[in-house]
């Protein structure tokens, strides 16, 4: 006859238990999960900004190197080498290494001028 009262009180106690569990544990878990999401977003944004800065610096460095004619001067100096020395350099990959070095150094130099990112 009074089963509905027991069911009602059981549901009422379950509701208050749910509220108590949320206050004691749920808020902490909610804040922690929110901070994890914010940290991931900040880290993702930082990487994206670094990649953007690197692309900007590389493009600017490539344009400056081509405007100054450094690559033409290096290729002229390389073509002026004796054939056996040029073959030895080609065997060891010296022209490719010089190309990588010039690109890296000019890009590093240009990164200093990217606002808020370059050091």
PDB file of N, CA and C in Angstrom:
ATOM      1  N   UNK A   1       0.796  -1.188   0.000  1.00  0.00           N
ATOM      2  CA  UNK A   1       0.000   0.000   0.000  1.00  0.00           C
ATOM      3  C   UNK A   1       0.851   1.271   0.000  1.00  0.00           C
ATOM      4  N   UNK A   2       1.920   1.271   0.780  1.00  0.00           N
ATOM      5  CA  UNK A   2       2.782   2.444   0.837  1.00  0.00           C
ATOM      6  C   UNK A   2       4.075   2.237   0.050  1.00  0.00           C
ATOM      7  N   UNK A   3       4.024   1.407  -0.942  1.00  0.00           N
ATOM      8  CA  UNK A   3       5.210   1.177  -1.778  1.00  0.00           C
ATOM      9  C   UNK A   3       5.596   2.429  -2.561  1.00  0.00           C
ATOM     10  N   UNK A   4       4.617   3.220  -2.915  1.00  0.00           N
ATOM     11  CA  UNK A   4       4.913   4.429  -3.671  1.00  0.00           C
ATOM     12  C   UNK A   4       5.707   5.418  -2.830  1.00  0.00           C
ATOM     13  N   UNK A   5       5.502   5.428  -1.499  1.00  0.00           N
ATOM     14  CA  UNK A   5       6.252   6.311  -0.615  1.00  0.00           C
ATOM     15  C   UNK A   5       7.705   5.869  -0.566  1.00  0.00           C
ATOM     16  N   UNK A   6       7.929   4.549  -0.481  1.00  0.00           N
ATOM     17  CA  UNK A   6       9.295   4.030  -0.456  1.00  0.00           C
ATOM     18  C   UNK A   6      10.006   4.320  -1.779  1.00  0.00           C
ATOM     19  N   UNK A   7       9.289   4.152  -2.873  1.00  0.00           N
ATOM     20  CA  UNK A   7       9.867   4.432  -4.183  1.00  0.00           C
ATOM     21  C   UNK A   7      10.183   5.919  -4.328  1.00  0.00           C
ATOM     22  N   UNK A   8       9.275   6.754  -3.846  1.00  0.00           N
ATOM     23  CA  UNK A   8       9.482   8.202  -3.915  1.00  0.00           C
ATOM     24  C   UNK A   8      10.694   8.614  -3.082  1.00  0.00           C
ATOM     25  N   UNK A   9      10.798   8.097  -1.850  1.00  0.00           N
ATOM     26  CA  UNK A   9      11.936   8.441  -0.993  1.00  0.00           C
ATOM     27  C   UNK A   9      13.243   7.898  -1.564  1.00  0.00           C
ATOM     28  N   UNK A  10      13.186   6.713  -2.163  1.00  0.00           N
ATOM     29  CA  UNK A  10      14.383   6.153  -2.791  1.00  0.00           C
ATOM     30  C   UNK A  10      14.858   7.042  -3.935  1.00  0.00           C
ATOM     31  N   UNK A  11      13.930   7.508  -4.752  1.00  0.00           N
ATOM     32  CA  UNK A  11      14.297   8.395  -5.853  1.00  0.00           C
ATOM     33  C   UNK A  11      14.792   9.746  -5.330  1.00  0.00           C
ATOM     34  N   UNK A  12      14.201  10.239  -4.268  1.00  0.00           N
ATOM     35  CA  UNK A  12      14.633  11.496  -3.669  1.00  0.00           C
ATOM     36  C   UNK A  12      16.045  11.374  -3.106  1.00  0.00           C
ATOM     37  N   UNK A  13      16.319  10.274  -2.412  1.00  0.00           N
ATOM     38  CA  UNK A  13      17.663  10.050  -1.877  1.00  0.00           C
ATOM     39  C   UNK A  13      18.678   9.851  -3.001  1.00  0.00           C
ATOM     40  N   UNK A  14      18.288   9.184  -4.062  1.00  0.00           N
ATOM     41  CA  UNK A  14      19.175   9.009  -5.218  1.00  0.00           C
ATOM     42  C   UNK A  14      19.515  10.358  -5.848  1.00  0.00           C
ATOM     43  N   UNK A  15      18.504  11.235  -5.918  1.00  0.00           N
ATOM     44  CA  UNK A  15      18.734  12.562  -6.478  1.00  0.00           C
ATOM     45  C   UNK A  15      19.722  13.344  -5.624  1.00  0.00           C
ATOM     46  N   UNK A  16      19.519  13.337  -4.299  1.00  0.00           N
ATOM     47  CA  UNK A  16      20.425  14.062  -3.417  1.00  0.00           C
ATOM     48  C   UNK A  16      21.817  13.426  -3.407  1.00  0.00           C
ATOM     49  N   UNK A  17      21.889  12.109  -3.530  1.00  0.00           N
ATOM     50  CA  UNK A  17      23.188  11.450  -3.612  1.00  0.00           C
ATOM     51  C   UNK A  17      23.924  11.867  -4.894  1.00  0.00           C
ATOM     52  N   UNK A  18      23.169  11.969  -5.996  1.00  0.00           N
ATOM     53  CA  UNK A  18      23.755  12.426  -7.255  1.00  0.00           C
ATOM     54  C   UNK A  18      24.281  13.852  -7.120  1.00  0.00           C
ATOM     55  N   UNK A  19      23.525  14.729  -6.476  1.00  0.00           N
ATOM     56  CA  UNK A  19      23.962  16.117  -6.257  1.00  0.00           C
ATOM     57  C   UNK A  19      25.206  16.137  -5.378  1.00  0.00           C
ATOM     58  N   UNK A  20      25.224  15.337  -4.325  1.00  0.00           N
ATOM     59  CA  UNK A  20      26.374  15.291  -3.423  1.00  0.00           C
ATOM     60  C   UNK A  20      27.617  14.773  -4.154  1.00  0.00           C
ATOM     61  N   UNK A  21      27.432  13.721  -4.950  1.00  0.00           N
ATOM     62  CA  UNK A  21      28.567  13.195  -5.725  1.00  0.00           C
ATOM     63  C   UNK A  21      29.090  14.221  -6.720  1.00  0.00           C
ATOM     64  N   UNK A  22      28.192  14.985  -7.325  1.00  0.00           N
ATOM     65  CA  UNK A  22      28.635  16.018  -8.253  1.00  0.00           C
ATOM     66  C   UNK A  22      29.414  17.107  -7.533  1.00  0.00           C
ATOM     67  N   UNK A  23      28.956  17.490  -6.354  1.00  0.00           N
ATOM     68  CA  UNK A  23      29.640  18.546  -5.613  1.00  0.00           C
ATOM     69  C   UNK A  23      31.007  18.064  -5.141  1.00  0.00           C
ATOM     70  N   UNK A  24      31.072  16.824  -4.644  1.00  0.00           N
ATOM     71  CA  UNK A  24      32.338  16.339  -4.088  1.00  0.00           C
ATOM     72  C   UNK A  24      33.331  15.882  -5.156  1.00  0.00           C
ATOM     73  N   UNK A  25      32.867  15.252  -6.226  1.00  0.00           N
ATOM     74  CA  UNK A  25      33.785  14.714  -7.234  1.00  0.00           C
ATOM     75  C   UNK A  25      33.587  15.334  -8.614  1.00  0.00           C
ATOM     76  N   UNK A  26      32.383  15.621  -8.963  1.00  0.00           N
ATOM     77  CA  UNK A  26      32.058  16.046 -10.316  1.00  0.00           C
ATOM     78  C   UNK A  26      32.654  17.381 -10.691  1.00  0.00           C
ATOM     79  N   UNK A  27      32.661  18.331  -9.757  1.00  0.00           N
ATOM     80  CA  UNK A  27      33.214  19.645 -10.054  1.00  0.00           C
ATOM     81  C   UNK A  27      34.711  19.528 -10.314  1.00  0.00           C
ATOM     82  N   UNK A  28      35.404  18.738  -9.500  1.00  0.00           N
ATOM     83  CA  UNK A  28      36.833  18.528  -9.699  1.00  0.00           C
ATOM     84  C   UNK A  28      37.101  17.901 -11.066  1.00  0.00           C
ATOM     85  N   UNK A  29      36.363  16.853 -11.395  1.00  0.00           N
ATOM     86  CA  UNK A  29      36.558  16.204 -12.693  1.00  0.00           C
ATOM     87  C   UNK A  29      36.229  17.149 -13.840  1.00  0.00           C
ATOM     88  N   UNK A  30      35.182  17.957 -13.697  1.00  0.00           N
ATOM     89  CA  UNK A  30      34.799  18.908 -14.731  1.00  0.00           C
ATOM     90  C   UNK A  30      35.897  19.949 -14.948  1.00  0.00           C
ATOM     91  N   UNK A  31      36.417  20.510 -13.867  1.00  0.00           N
ATOM     92  CA  UNK A  31      37.475  21.511 -13.978  1.00  0.00           C
ATOM     93  C   UNK A  31      38.738  20.892 -14.549  1.00  0.00           C
ATOM     94  N   UNK A  32      39.081  19.689 -14.088  1.00  0.00           N
ATOM     95  CA  UNK A  32      40.282  19.018 -14.593  1.00  0.00           C
ATOM     96  C   UNK A  32      40.164  18.734 -16.082  1.00  0.00           C
ATOM     97  N   UNK A  33      39.027  18.222 -16.522  1.00  0.00           N
ATOM     98  CA  UNK A  33      38.829  17.951 -17.949  1.00  0.00           C
ATOM     99  C   UNK A  33      38.858  19.240 -18.763  1.00  0.00           C
ATOM    100  N   UNK A  34      38.301  20.306 -18.216  1.00  0.00           N
ATOM    101  CA  UNK A  34      38.355  21.599 -18.905  1.00  0.00           C
ATOM    102  C   UNK A  34      39.775  22.112 -19.045  1.00  0.00           C
ATOM    103  N   UNK A  35      40.579  21.965 -17.985  1.00  0.00           N
ATOM    104  CA  UNK A  35      41.970  22.394 -18.061  1.00  0.00           C
ATOM    105  C   UNK A  35      42.780  21.543 -19.039  1.00  0.00           C
ATOM    106  N   UNK A  36      42.469  20.263 -19.114  1.00  0.00           N
ATOM    107  CA  UNK A  36      43.147  19.399 -20.088  1.00  0.00           C
ATOM    108  C   UNK A  36      42.819  19.854 -21.505  1.00  0.00           C
ATOM    109  N   UNK A  37      41.561  20.160 -21.765  1.00  0.00           N
ATOM    110  CA  UNK A  37      41.164  20.623 -23.100  1.00  0.00           C
ATOM    111  C   UNK A  37      41.839  21.956 -23.422  1.00  0.00           C
ATOM    112  N   UNK A  38      41.875  22.873 -22.453  1.00  0.00           N
ATOM    113  CA  UNK A  38      42.529  24.162 -22.686  1.00  0.00           C
ATOM    114  C   UNK A  38      44.022  24.009 -22.921  1.00  0.00           C
ATOM    115  N   UNK A  39      44.669  23.106 -22.192  1.00  0.00           N
ATOM    116  CA  UNK A  39      46.093  22.869 -22.383  1.00  0.00           C
ATOM    117  C   UNK A  39      46.370  22.289 -23.761  1.00  0.00           C
ATOM    118  N   UNK A  40      45.545  21.342 -24.177  1.00  0.00           N
ATOM    119  CA  UNK A  40      45.715  20.771 -25.510  1.00  0.00           C
ATOM    120  C   UNK A  40      45.514  21.825 -26.594  1.00  0.00           C
ATOM    121  N   UNK A  41      44.528  22.684 -26.416  1.00  0.00           N
ATOM    122  CA  UNK A  41      44.277  23.739 -27.399  1.00  0.00           C
ATOM    123  C   UNK A  41      45.434  24.730 -27.444  1.00  0.00           C
ATOM    124  N   UNK A  42      45.980  25.079 -26.284  1.00  0.00           N
ATOM    125  CA  UNK A  42      47.110  26.006 -26.250  1.00  0.00           C
ATOM    126  C   UNK A  42      48.341  25.392 -26.903  1.00  0.00           C
ATOM    127  N   UNK A  43      48.594  24.122 -26.635  1.00  0.00           N
ATOM    128  CA  UNK A  43      49.751  23.455 -27.234  1.00  0.00           C
ATOM    129  C   UNK A  43      49.585  23.332 -28.741  1.00  0.00           C
ATOM    130  N   UNK A  44      48.396  22.982 -29.190  1.00  0.00           N
ATOM    131  CA  UNK A  44      48.125  22.877 -30.632  1.00  0.00           C
ATOM    132  C   UNK A  44      48.316  24.245 -31.308  1.00  0.00           C
ATOM    133  N   UNK A  45      47.805  25.294 -30.661  1.00  0.00           N
ATOM    134  CA  UNK A  45      47.945  26.637 -31.224  1.00  0.00           C
ATOM    135  C   UNK A  45      49.405  27.056 -31.286  1.00  0.00           C
ATOM    136  N   UNK A  46      50.170  26.730 -30.250  1.00  0.00           N
ATOM    137  CA  UNK A  46      51.588  27.088 -30.230  1.00  0.00           C
ATOM    138  C   UNK A  46      52.322  26.404 -31.374  1.00  0.00           C
ATOM    139  N   UNK A  47      52.052  25.112 -31.599  1.00  0.00           N
ATOM    140  CA  UNK A  47      52.698  24.414 -32.709  1.00  0.00           C
ATOM    141  C   UNK A  47      52.298  25.002 -34.047  1.00  0.00           C
ATOM    142  N   UNK A  48      51.025  25.327 -34.207  1.00  0.00           N
ATOM    143  CA  UNK A  48      50.572  25.915 -35.467  1.00  0.00           C
ATOM    144  C   UNK A  48      51.240  27.270 -35.705  1.00  0.00           C
ATOM    145  N   UNK A  49      51.380  28.076 -34.671  1.00  0.00           N
ATOM    146  CA  UNK A  49      52.039  29.374 -34.808  1.00  0.00           C
ATOM    147  C   UNK A  49      53.508  29.197 -35.144  1.00  0.00           C
ATOM    148  N   UNK A  50      54.165  28.206 -34.534  1.00  0.00           N
ATOM    149  CA  UNK A  50      55.565  27.952 -34.852  1.00  0.00           C
ATOM    150  C   UNK A  50      55.735  27.524 -36.305  1.00  0.00           C
ATOM    151  N   UNK A  51      54.836  26.686 -36.784  1.00  0.00           N
ATOM    152  CA  UNK A  51      54.904  26.252 -38.181  1.00  0.00           C
ATOM    153  C   UNK A  51      54.660  27.427 -39.114  1.00  0.00           C
ATOM    154  N   UNK A  52      53.710  28.295 -38.768  1.00  0.00           N
ATOM    155  CA  UNK A  52      53.452  29.478 -39.573  1.00  0.00           C
ATOM    156  C   UNK A  52      54.680  30.383 -39.608  1.00  0.00           C
ATOM    157  N   UNK A  53      55.308  30.588 -38.457  1.00  0.00           N
ATOM    158  CA  UNK A  53      56.502  31.431 -38.400  1.00  0.00           C
ATOM    159  C   UNK A  53      57.626  30.839 -39.234  1.00  0.00           C
ATOM    160  N   UNK A  54      57.777  29.528 -39.184  1.00  0.00           N
ATOM    161  CA  UNK A  54      58.821  28.886 -39.973  1.00  0.00           C
ATOM    162  C   UNK A  54      58.549  29.026 -41.462  1.00  0.00           C
ATOM    163  N   UNK A  55      57.288  28.887 -41.872  1.00  0.00           N
ATOM    164  CA  UNK A  55      56.949  29.059 -43.287  1.00  0.00           C
ATOM    165  C   UNK A  55      57.207  30.482 -43.752  1.00  0.00           C
ATOM    166  N   UNK A  56      56.844  31.460 -42.923  1.00  0.00           N
ATOM    167  CA  UNK A  56      57.069  32.866 -43.271  1.00  0.00           C
ATOM    168  C   UNK A  56      58.560  33.149 -43.373  1.00  0.00           C
ATOM    169  N   UNK A  57      59.331  32.683 -42.396  1.00  0.00           N
ATOM    170  CA  UNK A  57      60.767  32.936 -42.399  1.00  0.00           C
ATOM    171  C   UNK A  57      61.444  32.241 -43.576  1.00  0.00           C
ATOM    172  N   UNK A  58      61.024  31.032 -43.887  1.00  0.00           N
ATOM    173  CA  UNK A  58      61.638  30.316 -45.015  1.00  0.00           C
ATOM    174  C   UNK A  58      61.334  31.014 -46.333  1.00  0.00           C
ATOM    175  N   UNK A  59      60.106  31.451 -46.498  1.00  0.00           N
ATOM    176  CA  UNK A  59      59.735  32.154 -47.738  1.00  0.00           C
ATOM    177  C   UNK A  59      60.534  33.452 -47.866  1.00  0.00           C
ATOM    178  N   UNK A  60      60.637  34.208 -46.783  1.00  0.00           N
ATOM    179  CA  UNK A  60      61.390  35.467 -46.820  1.00  0.00           C
ATOM    180  C   UNK A  60      62.869  35.202 -47.071  1.00  0.00           C
ATOM    181  N   UNK A  61      63.419  34.185 -46.435  1.00  0.00           N
ATOM    182  CA  UNK A  61      64.837  33.864 -46.631  1.00  0.00           C
ATOM    183  C   UNK A  61      65.100  33.413 -48.061  1.00  0.00           C
ATOM    184  N   UNK A  62      64.196  32.616 -48.606  1.00  0.00           N
ATOM    185  CA  UNK A  62      64.374  32.156 -49.986  1.00  0.00           C
ATOM    186  C   UNK A  62      64.337  33.331 -50.957  1.00  0.00           C
ATOM    187  N   UNK A  63      63.443  34.276 -50.722  1.00  0.00           N
ATOM    188  CA  UNK A  63      63.377  35.446 -51.592  1.00  0.00           C
ATOM    189  C   UNK A  63      64.606  36.327 -51.461  1.00  0.00           C
ATOM    190  N   UNK A  64      65.106  36.492 -50.241  1.00  0.00           N
ATOM    191  CA  UNK A  64      66.294  37.318 -50.041  1.00  0.00           C
ATOM    192  C   UNK A  64      67.517  36.658 -50.672  1.00  0.00           C
ATOM    193  N   UNK A  65      67.653  35.356 -50.511  1.00  0.00           N
ATOM    194  CA  UNK A  65      68.792  34.645 -51.098  1.00  0.00           C
ATOM    195  C   UNK A  65      68.738  34.742 -52.619  1.00  0.00           C
ATOM    196  N   UNK A  66      67.551  34.612 -53.195  1.00  0.00           N
ATOM    197  CA  UNK A  66      67.462  34.717 -54.654  1.00  0.00           C
ATOM    198  C   UNK A  66      67.686  36.153 -55.121  1.00  0.00           C
ATOM    199  N   UNK A  67      67.234  37.152 -54.336  1.00  0.00           N
ATOM    200  CA  UNK A  67      67.462  38.545 -54.718  1.00  0.00           C
ATOM    201  C   UNK A  67      68.930  38.935 -54.621  1.00  0.00           C
ATOM    202  N   UNK A  68      69.628  38.389 -53.642  1.00  0.00           N
ATOM    203  CA  UNK A  68      71.051  38.705 -53.499  1.00  0.00           C
ATOM    204  C   UNK A  68      71.920  37.940 -54.487  1.00  0.00           C
ATOM    205  N   UNK A  69      71.393  36.885 -55.055  1.00  0.00           N
ATOM    206  CA  UNK A  69      72.151  36.114 -56.042  1.00  0.00           C
ATOM    207  C   UNK A  69      73.178  35.184 -55.424  1.00  0.00           C
ATOM    208  N   UNK A  70      72.924  34.756 -54.211  1.00  0.00           N
ATOM    209  CA  UNK A  70      73.882  33.877 -53.530  1.00  0.00           C
ATOM    210  C   UNK A  70      73.943  32.524 -54.217  1.00  0.00           C
ATOM    211  N   UNK A  71      72.802  31.997 -54.603  1.00  0.00           N
ATOM    212  CA  UNK A  71      72.803  30.669 -55.230  1.00  0.00           C
ATOM    213  C   UNK A  71      73.518  30.692 -56.578  1.00  0.00           C
ATOM    214  N   UNK A  72      73.379  31.791 -57.329  1.00  0.00           N
ATOM    215  CA  UNK A  72      74.101  31.886 -58.598  1.00  0.00           C
ATOM    216  C   UNK A  72      75.606  31.991 -58.360  1.00  0.00           C
ATOM    217  N   UNK A  73      75.999  32.738 -57.326  1.00  0.00           N
ATOM    218  CA  UNK A  73      77.427  32.868 -57.024  1.00  0.00           C
ATOM    219  C   UNK A  73      78.021  31.533 -56.598  1.00  0.00           C
ATOM    220  N   UNK A  74      77.270  30.775 -55.819  1.00  0.00           N
ATOM    221  CA  UNK A  74      77.773  29.463 -55.383  1.00  0.00           C
ATOM    222  C   UNK A  74      77.862  28.512 -56.571  1.00  0.00           C
ATOM    223  N   UNK A  75      76.854  28.525 -57.454  1.00  0.00           N
ATOM    224  CA  UNK A  75      76.908  27.635 -58.621  1.00  0.00           C
ATOM    225  C   UNK A  75      78.026  28.043 -59.575  1.00  0.00           C
ATOM    226  N   UNK A  76      78.309  29.345 -59.715  1.00  0.00           N
ATOM    227  CA  UNK A  76      79.421  29.781 -60.549  1.00  0.00           C
ATOM    228  C   UNK A  76      80.756  29.344 -59.939  1.00  0.00           C
ATOM    229  N   UNK A  77      80.882  29.479 -58.617  1.00  0.00           N
ATOM    230  CA  UNK A  77      82.121  29.058 -57.960  1.00  0.00           C
ATOM    231  C   UNK A  77      82.288  27.547 -58.063  1.00  0.00           C
ATOM    232  N   UNK A  78      81.186  26.823 -57.980  1.00  0.00           N
ATOM    233  CA  UNK A  78      81.258  25.364 -58.090  1.00  0.00           C
ATOM    234  C   UNK A  78      81.624  24.938 -59.507  1.00  0.00           C
ATOM    235  N   UNK A  79      81.085  25.649 -60.499  1.00  0.00           N
ATOM    236  CA  UNK A  79      81.423  25.293 -61.884  1.00  0.00           C
ATOM    237  C   UNK A  79      82.862  25.665 -62.224  1.00  0.00           C
ATOM    238  N   UNK A  80      83.457  26.556 -61.467  1.00  0.00           N
ATOM    239  CA  UNK A  80      84.853  26.937 -61.693  1.00  0.00           C
ATOM    240  C   UNK A  80      85.850  25.957 -61.109  1.00  0.00           C
ATOM    241  N   UNK A  81      85.379  24.977 -60.359  1.00  0.00           N
ATOM    242  CA  UNK A  81      86.278  23.976 -59.774  1.00  0.00           C
ATOM    243  C   UNK A  81      86.765  23.010 -60.844  1.00  0.00           C
ATOM    244  N   UNK A  82      87.952  22.437 -60.660  1.00  0.00           N
ATOM    245  CA  UNK A  82      88.405  21.390 -61.592  1.00  0.00           C
ATOM    246  C   UNK A  82      87.435  20.206 -61.584  1.00  0.00           C
ATOM    247  N   UNK A  83      87.404  19.471 -62.669  1.00  0.00           N
ATOM    248  CA  UNK A  83      86.428  18.394 -62.844  1.00  0.00           C
ATOM    249  C   UNK A  83      86.567  17.302 -61.785  1.00  0.00           C
ATOM    250  N   UNK A  84      87.814  16.918 -61.442  1.00  0.00           N
ATOM    251  CA  UNK A  84      87.976  15.844 -60.462  1.00  0.00           C
ATOM    252  C   UNK A  84      87.533  16.278 -59.063  1.00  0.00           C
ATOM    253  N   UNK A  85      87.770  17.529 -58.716  1.00  0.00           N
ATOM    254  CA  UNK A  85      87.324  18.040 -57.414  1.00  0.00           C
ATOM    255  C   UNK A  85      85.794  18.137 -57.388  1.00  0.00           C
ATOM    256  N   UNK A  86      85.196  18.614 -58.476  1.00  0.00           N
ATOM    257  CA  UNK A  86      83.736  18.717 -58.552  1.00  0.00           C
ATOM    258  C   UNK A  86      83.094  17.337 -58.473  1.00  0.00           C
ATOM    259  N   UNK A  87      83.708  16.344 -59.119  1.00  0.00           N
ATOM    260  CA  UNK A  87      83.177  14.978 -59.041  1.00  0.00           C
ATOM    261  C   UNK A  87      83.273  14.424 -57.618  1.00  0.00           C
ATOM    262  N   UNK A  88      84.390  14.715 -56.944  1.00  0.00           N
ATOM    263  CA  UNK A  88      84.549  14.242 -55.566  1.00  0.00           C
ATOM    264  C   UNK A  88      83.508  14.915 -54.656  1.00  0.00           C
ATOM    265  N   UNK A  89      83.301  16.221 -54.856  1.00  0.00           N
ATOM    266  CA  UNK A  89      82.285  16.922 -54.064  1.00  0.00           C
ATOM    267  C   UNK A  89      80.892  16.356 -54.330  1.00  0.00           C
ATOM    268  N   UNK A  90      80.610  16.068 -55.599  1.00  0.00           N
ATOM    269  CA  UNK A  90      79.309  15.497 -55.939  1.00  0.00           C
ATOM    270  C   UNK A  90      79.133  14.112 -55.335  1.00  0.00           C
ATOM    271  N   UNK A  91      80.223  13.327 -55.315  1.00  0.00           N
ATOM    272  CA  UNK A  91      80.147  11.990 -54.738  1.00  0.00           C
ATOM    273  C   UNK A  91      79.785  12.049 -53.251  1.00  0.00           C
ATOM    274  N   UNK A  92      80.362  13.009 -52.539  1.00  0.00           N
ATOM    275  CA  UNK A  92      80.093  13.133 -51.106  1.00  0.00           C
ATOM    276  C   UNK A  92      78.872  13.998 -50.797  1.00  0.00           C
ATOM    277  N   UNK A  93      78.218  14.543 -51.813  1.00  0.00           N
ATOM    278  CA  UNK A  93      76.998  15.314 -51.615  1.00  0.00           C
ATOM    279  C   UNK A  93      77.228  16.705 -51.059  1.00  0.00           C
ATOM    280  N   UNK A  94      78.379  17.276 -51.330  1.00  0.00           N
ATOM    281  CA  UNK A  94      78.702  18.606 -50.820  1.00  0.00           C
ATOM    282  C   UNK A  94      77.749  19.677 -51.370  1.00  0.00           C
ATOM    283  N   UNK A  95      77.375  19.654 -52.668  1.00  0.00           N
ATOM    284  CA  UNK A  95      76.442  20.698 -53.146  1.00  0.00           C
ATOM    285  C   UNK A  95      75.088  20.656 -52.434  1.00  0.00           C
ATOM    286  N   UNK A  96      74.570  19.455 -52.195  1.00  0.00           N
ATOM    287  CA  UNK A  96      73.299  19.348 -51.474  1.00  0.00           C
ATOM    288  C   UNK A  96      73.450  19.826 -50.031  1.00  0.00           C
ATOM    289  N   UNK A  97      74.592  19.501 -49.421  1.00  0.00           N
ATOM    290  CA  UNK A  97      74.835  19.930 -48.040  1.00  0.00           C
ATOM    291  C   UNK A  97      74.932  21.449 -47.957  1.00  0.00           C
ATOM    292  N   UNK A  98      75.599  22.055 -48.934  1.00  0.00           N
ATOM    293  CA  UNK A  98      75.691  23.519 -48.945  1.00  0.00           C
ATOM    294  C   UNK A  98      74.321  24.151 -49.138  1.00  0.00           C
ATOM    295  N   UNK A  99      73.515  23.561 -49.980  1.00  0.00           N
ATOM    296  CA  UNK A  99      72.160  24.075 -50.198  1.00  0.00           C
ATOM    297  C   UNK A  99      71.348  24.009 -48.906  1.00  0.00           C
ATOM    298  N   UNK A 100      71.433  22.895 -48.202  1.00  0.00           N
ATOM    299  CA  UNK A 100      70.709  22.747 -46.934  1.00  0.00           C
ATOM    300  C   UNK A 100      71.233  23.740 -45.898  1.00  0.00           C
ATOM    301  N   UNK A 101      72.552  23.902 -45.834  1.00  0.00           N
ATOM    302  CA  UNK A 101      73.134  24.840 -44.868  1.00  0.00           C
ATOM    303  C   UNK A 101      72.709  26.275 -45.148  1.00  0.00           C
ATOM    304  N   UNK A 102      72.786  26.697 -46.397  1.00  0.00           N
ATOM    305  CA  UNK A 102      72.383  28.063 -46.719  1.00  0.00           C
ATOM    306  C   UNK A 102      70.899  28.291 -46.427  1.00  0.00           C
ATOM    307  N   UNK A 103      70.067  27.319 -46.736  1.00  0.00           N
ATOM    308  CA  UNK A 103      68.645  27.457 -46.448  1.00  0.00           C
ATOM    309  C   UNK A 103      68.390  27.531 -44.947  1.00  0.00           C
ATOM    310  N   UNK A 104      69.062  26.670 -44.198  1.00  0.00           N
ATOM    311  CA  UNK A 104      68.853  26.643 -42.744  1.00  0.00           C
ATOM    312  C   UNK A 104      69.364  27.919 -42.071  1.00  0.00           C
ATOM    313  N   UNK A 105      70.534  28.364 -42.466  1.00  0.00           N
ATOM    314  CA  UNK A 105      71.092  29.562 -41.840  1.00  0.00           C
ATOM    315  C   UNK A 105      70.274  30.803 -42.177  1.00  0.00           C
ATOM    316  N   UNK A 106      69.860  30.918 -43.423  1.00  0.00           N
ATOM    317  CA  UNK A 106      69.063  32.092 -43.779  1.00  0.00           C
ATOM    318  C   UNK A 106      67.687  32.033 -43.126  1.00  0.00           C
ATOM    319  N   UNK A 107      67.112  30.850 -43.009  1.00  0.00           N
ATOM    320  CA  UNK A 107      65.811  30.733 -42.337  1.00  0.00           C
ATOM    321  C   UNK A 107      65.943  31.064 -40.855  1.00  0.00           C
ATOM    322  N   UNK A 108      67.017  30.601 -40.237  1.00  0.00           N
ATOM    323  CA  UNK A 108      67.241  30.908 -38.818  1.00  0.00           C
ATOM    324  C   UNK A 108      67.428  32.409 -38.615  1.00  0.00           C
ATOM    325  N   UNK A 109      68.149  33.022 -39.534  1.00  0.00           N
ATOM    326  CA  UNK A 109      68.349  34.468 -39.451  1.00  0.00           C
ATOM    327  C   UNK A 109      67.018  35.200 -39.594  1.00  0.00           C
ATOM    328  N   UNK A 110      66.186  34.753 -40.524  1.00  0.00           N
ATOM    329  CA  UNK A 110      64.907  35.425 -40.757  1.00  0.00           C
ATOM    330  C   UNK A 110      63.917  35.184 -39.619  1.00  0.00           C
ATOM    331  N   UNK A 111      64.029  34.073 -38.917  1.00  0.00           N
ATOM    332  CA  UNK A 111      63.122  33.816 -37.790  1.00  0.00           C
ATOM    333  C   UNK A 111      63.271  34.858 -36.690  1.00  0.00           C
ATOM    334  N   UNK A 112      64.422  35.481 -36.610  1.00  0.00           N
ATOM    335  CA  UNK A 112      64.617  36.509 -35.591  1.00  0.00           C
ATOM    336  C   UNK A 112      63.748  37.736 -35.840  1.00  0.00           C
ATOM    337  N   UNK A 113      63.309  37.906 -37.062  1.00  0.00           N
ATOM    338  CA  UNK A 113      62.547  39.098 -37.401  1.00  0.00           C
ATOM    339  C   UNK A 113      61.034  38.848 -37.456  1.00  0.00           C
ATOM    340  N   UNK A 114      60.598  37.640 -37.171  1.00  0.00           N
ATOM    341  CA  UNK A 114      59.171  37.363 -37.128  1.00  0.00           C
ATOM    342  C   UNK A 114      58.648  37.879 -35.791  1.00  0.00           C
ATOM    343  N   UNK A 115      57.664  38.777 -35.817  1.00  0.00           N
ATOM    344  CA  UNK A 115      57.197  39.400 -34.567  1.00  0.00           C
ATOM    345  C   UNK A 115      56.601  38.387 -33.586  1.00  0.00           C
ATOM    346  N   UNK A 116      56.895  38.568 -32.329  1.00  0.00           N
ATOM    347  CA  UNK A 116      56.360  37.816 -31.187  1.00  0.00           C
ATOM    348  C   UNK A 116      56.813  36.357 -31.140  1.00  0.00           C
ATOM    349  N   UNK A 117      57.493  35.862 -32.162  1.00  0.00           N
ATOM    350  CA  UNK A 117      57.854  34.453 -32.184  1.00  0.00           C
ATOM    351  C   UNK A 117      59.365  34.287 -32.245  1.00  0.00           C
ATOM    352  N   UNK A 118      60.008  35.052 -33.101  1.00  0.00           N
ATOM    353  CA  UNK A 118      61.459  34.930 -33.249  1.00  0.00           C
ATOM    354  C   UNK A 118      62.167  35.344 -31.967  1.00  0.00           C
ATOM    355  N   UNK A 119      63.266  34.700 -31.733  1.00  0.00           N
ATOM    356  CA  UNK A 119      63.999  34.985 -30.491  1.00  0.00           C
ATOM    357  C   UNK A 119      65.281  35.689 -30.803  1.00  0.00           C
TER     358      UNK A 119
END
